[in-house]
């Protein structure tokens, strides 16, 4: 059970819906769960998305494939569900 209020993609409205759709387009059709953890503040979600896109997934010299491999490895170590 979640103790933090979260807004799911299908419940998002206004600015949050706009930000969610941008994330979904950027992440190939999915909304990673951490974004929902701060969904009560649409501008915070937009800022985190901007930070992520500036430093990961093609923005570094590693390339998207290596970044995805590292992300998968780290998620496995952390027992992350997604």
Protein backbone atom coordinates (compact mmCIF):
# COMPACT_ATOMS: atom_id res chain seq x y z
CA UNK A 1 0.00 0.00 0.00
CA UNK A 2 1.24 3.46 -0.92
CA UNK A 3 1.56 6.17 1.71
CA UNK A 4 2.27 8.91 -0.82
CA UNK A 5 -0.59 10.31 -2.85
CA UNK A 6 -0.07 9.48 -6.52
CA UNK A 7 -1.90 10.34 -9.68
CA UNK A 8 -2.06 7.59 -12.30
CA UNK A 9 -1.70 8.34 -15.97
CA UNK A 10 -5.41 7.82 -16.68
CA UNK A 11 -6.35 10.25 -13.87
CA UNK A 12 -3.94 13.03 -14.81
CA UNK A 13 -5.35 16.35 -15.93
CA UNK A 14 -4.00 19.66 -17.16
CA UNK A 15 -0.25 20.25 -16.82
CA UNK A 16 0.39 16.82 -15.25
CA UNK A 17 -1.32 15.07 -18.15
CA UNK A 18 0.81 17.08 -20.58
CA UNK A 19 4.01 16.17 -18.70
CA UNK A 20 3.00 12.50 -18.42
CA UNK A 21 2.37 12.30 -22.16
CA UNK A 22 5.81 13.78 -22.82
CA UNK A 23 7.38 11.17 -20.56
CA UNK A 24 5.44 8.35 -22.21
CA UNK A 25 6.59 9.50 -25.64
CA UNK A 26 10.19 9.81 -24.40
CA UNK A 27 10.16 6.40 -22.65
CA UNK A 28 8.64 4.41 -25.53
CA UNK A 29 5.08 4.14 -24.30
CA UNK A 30 5.52 3.72 -20.58
CA UNK A 31 5.44 5.87 -17.48
CA UNK A 32 8.16 4.81 -15.01
CA UNK A 33 6.75 4.52 -11.45
CA UNK A 34 9.12 7.05 -9.81
CA UNK A 35 7.45 9.87 -11.73
CA UNK A 36 4.13 9.02 -10.07
CA UNK A 37 5.81 9.39 -6.67
CA UNK A 38 6.00 13.15 -7.17
CA UNK A 39 2.84 13.47 -9.28
CA UNK A 40 1.14 15.85 -6.85
CA UNK A 41 3.50 18.53 -8.19
CA UNK A 42 3.41 18.60 -12.01
CA UNK A 43 6.32 21.03 -12.22
CA UNK A 44 8.49 18.72 -10.10
CA UNK A 45 7.66 15.85 -12.47
CA UNK A 46 8.61 18.04 -15.44
CA UNK A 47 11.89 19.06 -13.76
CA UNK A 48 12.87 15.46 -12.99
CA UNK A 49 12.04 14.45 -16.57
CA UNK A 50 14.19 17.30 -17.85
CA UNK A 51 17.08 16.29 -15.58
CA UNK A 52 16.81 12.65 -16.66
CA UNK A 53 16.72 13.48 -20.33
CA UNK A 54 19.71 15.81 -19.92
CA UNK A 55 21.98 13.20 -18.33
CA UNK A 56 20.70 9.79 -19.47
CA UNK A 57 19.31 7.79 -22.35
CA UNK A 58 21.40 9.07 -25.18
CA UNK A 59 22.62 12.33 -23.68
CA UNK A 60 25.84 10.83 -22.31
CA UNK A 61 28.84 9.45 -24.17
CA UNK A 62 27.85 5.90 -23.17
CA UNK A 63 25.06 5.66 -25.70
CA UNK A 64 21.52 4.47 -25.12
CA UNK A 65 22.30 0.75 -25.24
CA UNK A 66 24.96 0.91 -22.50
CA UNK A 67 22.84 3.23 -20.38
CA UNK A 68 19.92 0.81 -20.58
CA UNK A 69 22.20 -2.10 -19.65
CA UNK A 70 23.53 -0.20 -16.63
CA UNK A 71 20.03 0.83 -15.61
CA UNK A 72 18.82 -2.76 -15.80
CA UNK A 73 21.79 -4.00 -13.80
CA UNK A 74 21.36 -1.38 -11.08
CA UNK A 75 17.61 -2.02 -10.89
CA UNK A 76 18.31 -5.74 -10.46
CA UNK A 77 20.79 -5.09 -7.64
CA UNK A 78 18.27 -2.78 -5.95
CA UNK A 79 15.47 -5.35 -6.38
CA UNK A 80 13.50 -2.79 -8.36
CA UNK A 81 10.24 -4.01 -9.95
CA UNK A 82 10.46 -2.08 -13.19
